[in-house]
C-alpha atoms as a PDB file:
ATOM      1  CA  MET A   1    -124.462 -70.594-126.050  1.00  0.00           C
ATOM      2  CA  HIS A   2    -127.234 -68.570-124.501  1.00  0.00           C
ATOM      3  CA  TYR A   3    -129.678 -66.817-126.777  1.00  0.00           C
ATOM      4  CA  ARG A   4    -132.054 -63.924-126.158  1.00  0.00           C
ATOM      5  CA  PHE A   5    -134.930 -63.019-128.466  1.00  0.00           C
ATOM      6  CA  VAL A   6    -135.942 -59.363-128.318  1.00  0.00           C
ATOM      7  CA  GLU A   7    -138.906 -57.953-130.231  1.00  0.00           C
ATOM      8  CA  VAL A   8    -138.350 -54.391-131.427  1.00  0.00           C
ATOM      9  CA  GLU A   9    -140.851 -52.003-132.957  1.00  0.00           C
ATOM     10  CA  GLY A  10    -139.461 -48.875-134.552  1.00  0.00           C
ATOM     11  CA  GLU A  11    -136.968 -47.566-137.076  1.00  0.00           C
ATOM     12  CA  GLU A  12    -133.275 -48.230-137.595  1.00  0.00           C
ATOM     13  CA  ASP A  13    -132.278 -45.970-134.696  1.00  0.00           C
ATOM     14  CA  ASP A  14    -134.408 -48.097-132.358  1.00  0.00           C
ATOM     15  CA  LEU A  15    -132.681 -51.263-133.577  1.00  0.00           C
ATOM     16  CA  ASP A  16    -129.243 -49.723-132.992  1.00  0.00           C
ATOM     17  CA  ARG A  17    -130.265 -48.568-129.494  1.00  0.00           C
ATOM     18  CA  VAL A  18    -131.512 -52.007-128.507  1.00  0.00           C
ATOM     19  CA  ALA A  19    -128.445 -53.730-130.004  1.00  0.00           C
ATOM     20  CA  ASN A  20    -126.142 -51.400-128.047  1.00  0.00           C
ATOM     21  CA  GLU A  21    -128.034 -52.051-124.813  1.00  0.00           C
ATOM     22  CA  TRP A  22    -127.598 -55.818-125.199  1.00  0.00           C
ATOM     23  CA  ARG A  23    -123.929 -55.443-126.200  1.00  0.00           C
ATOM     24  CA  ALA A  24    -123.372 -53.638-122.891  1.00  0.00           C
ATOM     25  CA  LYS A  25    -124.835 -56.776-121.155  1.00  0.00           C
ATOM     26  CA  GLY A  26    -122.270 -59.018-122.883  1.00  0.00           C
ATOM     27  CA  TYR A  27    -124.353 -60.248-125.820  1.00  0.00           C
ATOM     28  CA  GLN A  28    -123.614 -59.894-129.511  1.00  0.00           C
ATOM     29  CA  LEU A  29    -126.163 -59.606-132.263  1.00  0.00           C
ATOM     30  CA  PHE A  30    -126.592 -62.977-133.925  1.00  0.00           C
ATOM     31  CA  GLN A  31    -129.460 -62.277-136.341  1.00  0.00           C
ATOM     32  CA  ALA A  32    -132.156 -59.740-137.127  1.00  0.00           C
ATOM     33  CA  VAL A  33    -135.482 -61.171-138.405  1.00  0.00           C
ATOM     34  CA  TYR A  34    -137.895 -58.907-140.243  1.00  0.00           C
ATOM     35  CA  LYS A  35    -141.524 -59.485-139.203  1.00  0.00           C
ATOM     36  CA  THR A  36    -143.504 -56.556-140.625  1.00  0.00           C
ATOM     37  CA  THR A  37    -142.885 -52.902-141.338  1.00  0.00           C
ATOM     38  CA  TYR A  38    -141.070 -51.471-138.337  1.00  0.00           C
ATOM     39  CA  ARG A  39    -141.215 -54.810-136.421  1.00  0.00           C
ATOM     40  CA  TRP A  40    -138.139 -56.949-135.903  1.00  0.00           C
ATOM     41  CA  VAL A  41    -136.970 -59.770-133.703  1.00  0.00           C
ATOM     42  CA  LEU A  42    -133.298 -59.420-132.746  1.00  0.00           C
ATOM     43  CA  ILE A  43    -131.506 -62.578-131.667  1.00  0.00           C
ATOM     44  CA  PHE A  44    -128.519 -62.111-129.379  1.00  0.00           C
ATOM     45  CA  GLU A  45    -126.029 -64.731-128.290  1.00  0.00           C
ATOM     46  CA  ARG A  46    -123.584 -65.020-125.433  1.00  0.00           C
ATOM     47  CA  GLU A  47    -121.056 -67.700-124.599  1.00  0.00           C
ATOM     48  CA  ALA A  48    -122.027 -69.884-121.684  1.00  0.00           C
ATOM     49  CA  LYS A  49    -119.805 -69.455-118.678  1.00  0.00           C
ATOM     50  CA  ALA A  50    -117.527 -72.446-118.131  1.00  0.00           C
ATOM     51  CA  SER A  51    -118.110 -74.433-114.969  1.00  0.00           C
ATOM     52  CA  ALA A  52    -115.156 -74.715-112.623  1.00  0.00           C
END
């Protein structure tokens, strides 16, 4: 698995926008961690590509 940690500052719409951007890159949202008001860390995961 490959993980990406993305810090987001904003409201729910901002979280959705960032999540959609990373989904378009092939990642899925693994976990959202609340830091402070309007500050989050989103953790995305993606399957590692198999070696041939």
